[in-house]
């Protein structure tokens, strides 16, 4: 439950992107956020390779390719 308040704040960013037409409204934003966090935790705990800002941006771009609307 510790993650819930932070998760909701990040989800607000997602909903704003939906409102601006930047991402598809049909994509589950909470699941997308959880996927991104899971990838980062995998890198930290299993690979011992904490992602830096550049790595997180690259991971995000790879995930977003399937949800961008081009708007």
N, C-alpha and C. Protein backbone atom coordinates (compact mmCIF):
# COMPACT_ATOMS: atom_id res chain seq x y z
N UNK A 1 0.82 -1.21 0.00
CA UNK A 1 0.00 0.00 0.00
C UNK A 1 0.85 1.26 0.00
N UNK A 2 2.11 1.14 0.33
CA UNK A 2 2.99 2.31 0.38
C UNK A 2 3.07 2.99 -1.00
N UNK A 3 2.97 2.21 -2.06
CA UNK A 3 3.11 2.70 -3.42
C UNK A 3 1.85 3.39 -3.91
N UNK A 4 0.69 3.12 -3.31
CA UNK A 4 -0.59 3.62 -3.82
C UNK A 4 -0.65 5.14 -4.03
N UNK A 5 -0.25 5.98 -3.05
CA UNK A 5 -0.33 7.43 -3.28
C UNK A 5 0.56 7.90 -4.44
N UNK A 6 1.76 7.36 -4.51
CA UNK A 6 2.67 7.73 -5.61
C UNK A 6 2.11 7.25 -6.94
N UNK A 7 1.58 6.06 -6.94
CA UNK A 7 1.00 5.48 -8.16
C UNK A 7 -0.14 6.37 -8.67
N UNK A 8 -0.97 6.85 -7.78
CA UNK A 8 -2.09 7.70 -8.19
C UNK A 8 -1.60 9.04 -8.74
N UNK A 9 -0.53 9.59 -8.17
CA UNK A 9 0.03 10.85 -8.69
C UNK A 9 0.58 10.65 -10.11
N UNK A 10 1.24 9.53 -10.32
CA UNK A 10 1.77 9.24 -11.66
C UNK A 10 0.61 8.98 -12.62
N UNK A 11 -0.43 8.30 -12.15
CA UNK A 11 -1.59 8.04 -12.99
C UNK A 11 -2.25 9.34 -13.43
N UNK A 12 -2.24 10.36 -12.59
CA UNK A 12 -2.78 11.66 -12.97
C UNK A 12 -2.05 12.21 -14.19
N UNK A 13 -0.74 12.01 -14.25
CA UNK A 13 0.03 12.43 -15.43
C UNK A 13 -0.46 11.68 -16.67
N UNK A 14 -0.73 10.38 -16.48
CA UNK A 14 -1.24 9.57 -17.59
C UNK A 14 -2.58 10.11 -18.08
N UNK A 15 -3.49 10.40 -17.15
CA UNK A 15 -4.82 10.88 -17.56
C UNK A 15 -4.72 12.22 -18.28
N UNK A 16 -3.78 13.04 -17.88
CA UNK A 16 -3.58 14.32 -18.59
C UNK A 16 -3.08 14.08 -20.01
N UNK A 17 -2.21 13.09 -20.17
CA UNK A 17 -1.72 12.75 -21.52
C UNK A 17 -2.86 12.23 -22.38
N UNK A 18 -3.77 11.47 -21.78
CA UNK A 18 -4.95 10.99 -22.50
C UNK A 18 -5.80 12.18 -22.93
N UNK A 19 -6.02 13.12 -22.01
CA UNK A 19 -6.83 14.30 -22.32
C UNK A 19 -6.23 15.14 -23.44
N UNK A 20 -4.89 15.17 -23.52
CA UNK A 20 -4.21 15.93 -24.57
C UNK A 20 -4.15 15.15 -25.88
N UNK A 21 -4.60 13.90 -25.86
CA UNK A 21 -4.57 13.09 -27.07
C UNK A 21 -3.21 12.50 -27.38
N UNK A 22 -2.34 12.43 -26.39
CA UNK A 22 -0.98 11.93 -26.61
C UNK A 22 -0.86 10.41 -26.49
N UNK A 23 -1.75 9.80 -25.73
CA UNK A 23 -1.76 8.35 -25.60
C UNK A 23 -3.20 7.86 -25.77
N UNK A 24 -3.33 6.61 -26.14
CA UNK A 24 -4.65 6.05 -26.37
C UNK A 24 -5.43 5.89 -25.08
N UNK A 25 -6.67 6.34 -25.09
CA UNK A 25 -7.53 6.24 -23.91
C UNK A 25 -7.88 4.78 -23.62
N UNK A 26 -7.73 3.91 -24.59
CA UNK A 26 -8.08 2.50 -24.40
C UNK A 26 -7.00 1.71 -23.66
N UNK A 27 -5.83 2.31 -23.46
CA UNK A 27 -4.74 1.63 -22.77
C UNK A 27 -4.90 1.84 -21.26
N UNK A 28 -4.75 0.78 -20.50
CA UNK A 28 -4.84 0.85 -19.05
C UNK A 28 -3.59 1.54 -18.50
N UNK A 29 -3.73 2.80 -18.12
CA UNK A 29 -2.60 3.59 -17.65
C UNK A 29 -1.97 3.04 -16.38
N UNK A 30 -2.80 2.53 -15.48
CA UNK A 30 -2.24 1.96 -14.25
C UNK A 30 -1.38 0.74 -14.57
N UNK A 31 -1.83 -0.08 -15.48
CA UNK A 31 -1.05 -1.26 -15.88
C UNK A 31 0.25 -0.83 -16.55
N UNK A 32 0.18 0.21 -17.38
CA UNK A 32 1.39 0.71 -18.05
C UNK A 32 2.40 1.18 -17.01
N UNK A 33 1.95 1.94 -16.03
CA UNK A 33 2.83 2.44 -14.97
C UNK A 33 3.42 1.26 -14.20
N UNK A 34 2.60 0.29 -13.86
CA UNK A 34 3.09 -0.89 -13.15
C UNK A 34 4.14 -1.64 -13.97
N UNK A 35 3.93 -1.73 -15.28
CA UNK A 35 4.89 -2.39 -16.16
C UNK A 35 6.24 -1.67 -16.14
N UNK A 36 6.20 -0.35 -16.21
CA UNK A 36 7.43 0.43 -16.20
C UNK A 36 8.18 0.24 -14.88
N UNK A 37 7.46 0.31 -13.78
CA UNK A 37 8.08 0.12 -12.46
C UNK A 37 8.64 -1.30 -12.34
N UNK A 38 7.91 -2.29 -12.83
CA UNK A 38 8.37 -3.68 -12.76
C UNK A 38 9.68 -3.86 -13.51
N UNK A 39 9.79 -3.25 -14.67
CA UNK A 39 11.03 -3.35 -15.45
C UNK A 39 12.19 -2.74 -14.67
N UNK A 40 11.95 -1.58 -14.07
CA UNK A 40 13.01 -0.92 -13.29
C UNK A 40 13.41 -1.76 -12.08
N UNK A 41 12.42 -2.34 -11.39
CA UNK A 41 12.73 -3.18 -10.24
C UNK A 41 13.47 -4.45 -10.66
N UNK A 42 13.11 -5.01 -11.80
CA UNK A 42 13.83 -6.17 -12.33
C UNK A 42 15.30 -5.83 -12.51
N UNK A 43 15.56 -4.66 -13.10
CA UNK A 43 16.95 -4.25 -13.33
C UNK A 43 17.69 -4.05 -12.02
N UNK A 44 17.02 -3.49 -11.02
CA UNK A 44 17.67 -3.22 -9.74
C UNK A 44 17.93 -4.52 -8.98
N UNK A 45 16.88 -5.32 -8.80
CA UNK A 45 16.99 -6.48 -7.91
C UNK A 45 17.57 -7.73 -8.55
N UNK A 46 17.34 -7.94 -9.83
CA UNK A 46 17.82 -9.17 -10.44
C UNK A 46 19.09 -8.99 -11.27
N UNK A 47 19.23 -7.82 -11.87
CA UNK A 47 20.42 -7.59 -12.69
C UNK A 47 21.47 -6.74 -11.98
N UNK A 48 21.10 -6.15 -10.84
CA UNK A 48 21.99 -5.25 -10.11
C UNK A 48 22.48 -4.11 -11.00
N UNK A 49 21.55 -3.62 -11.84
CA UNK A 49 21.84 -2.51 -12.76
C UNK A 49 20.77 -1.43 -12.60
N UNK A 50 20.85 -0.65 -11.53
CA UNK A 50 19.85 0.41 -11.35
C UNK A 50 19.82 1.33 -12.58
N UNK A 51 18.62 1.53 -13.14
CA UNK A 51 18.54 2.38 -14.33
C UNK A 51 18.73 3.84 -13.97
N UNK A 52 19.50 4.54 -14.78
CA UNK A 52 19.62 5.98 -14.60
C UNK A 52 18.52 6.66 -15.42
N UNK A 53 18.51 7.96 -15.41
CA UNK A 53 17.45 8.70 -16.09
C UNK A 53 17.39 8.34 -17.58
N UNK A 54 18.54 8.23 -18.22
CA UNK A 54 18.58 7.90 -19.65
C UNK A 54 17.98 6.51 -19.90
N UNK A 55 18.33 5.55 -19.06
CA UNK A 55 17.79 4.20 -19.23
C UNK A 55 16.27 4.19 -19.04
N UNK A 56 15.78 4.92 -18.06
CA UNK A 56 14.33 4.98 -17.83
C UNK A 56 13.63 5.62 -19.03
N UNK A 57 14.23 6.65 -19.60
CA UNK A 57 13.65 7.27 -20.80
C UNK A 57 13.62 6.29 -21.96
N UNK A 58 14.68 5.50 -22.13
CA UNK A 58 14.72 4.51 -23.21
C UNK A 58 13.69 3.41 -22.99
N UNK A 59 13.56 2.94 -21.77
CA UNK A 59 12.56 1.92 -21.45
C UNK A 59 11.17 2.47 -21.73
N UNK A 60 10.93 3.70 -21.29
CA UNK A 60 9.62 4.33 -21.51
C UNK A 60 9.31 4.44 -22.99
N UNK A 61 10.29 4.85 -23.78
CA UNK A 61 10.07 4.97 -25.23
C UNK A 61 9.72 3.62 -25.84
N UNK A 62 10.42 2.58 -25.42
CA UNK A 62 10.13 1.25 -25.96
C UNK A 62 8.71 0.82 -25.61
N UNK A 63 8.28 1.09 -24.40
CA UNK A 63 6.92 0.73 -23.99
C UNK A 63 5.88 1.60 -24.71
N UNK A 64 6.18 2.85 -24.93
CA UNK A 64 5.21 3.78 -25.50
C UNK A 64 4.96 3.57 -26.99
N UNK A 65 5.82 2.92 -27.68
CA UNK A 65 5.66 2.73 -29.11
C UNK A 65 4.28 2.15 -29.43
N UNK A 66 3.77 1.28 -28.58
CA UNK A 66 2.48 0.67 -28.82
C UNK A 66 1.29 1.49 -28.38
N UNK A 67 1.50 2.64 -27.70
CA UNK A 67 0.36 3.40 -27.19
C UNK A 67 0.29 4.83 -27.69
N UNK A 68 1.31 5.32 -28.35
CA UNK A 68 1.28 6.69 -28.86
C UNK A 68 0.26 6.85 -29.98
N UNK A 69 -0.43 7.95 -29.96
CA UNK A 69 -1.41 8.22 -31.00
C UNK A 69 -0.84 9.08 -32.11
N UNK A 70 0.30 9.71 -31.87
CA UNK A 70 0.88 10.62 -32.86
C UNK A 70 0.37 12.04 -32.68
N UNK A 71 -0.51 12.25 -31.72
CA UNK A 71 -1.10 13.56 -31.47
C UNK A 71 -0.33 14.31 -30.50
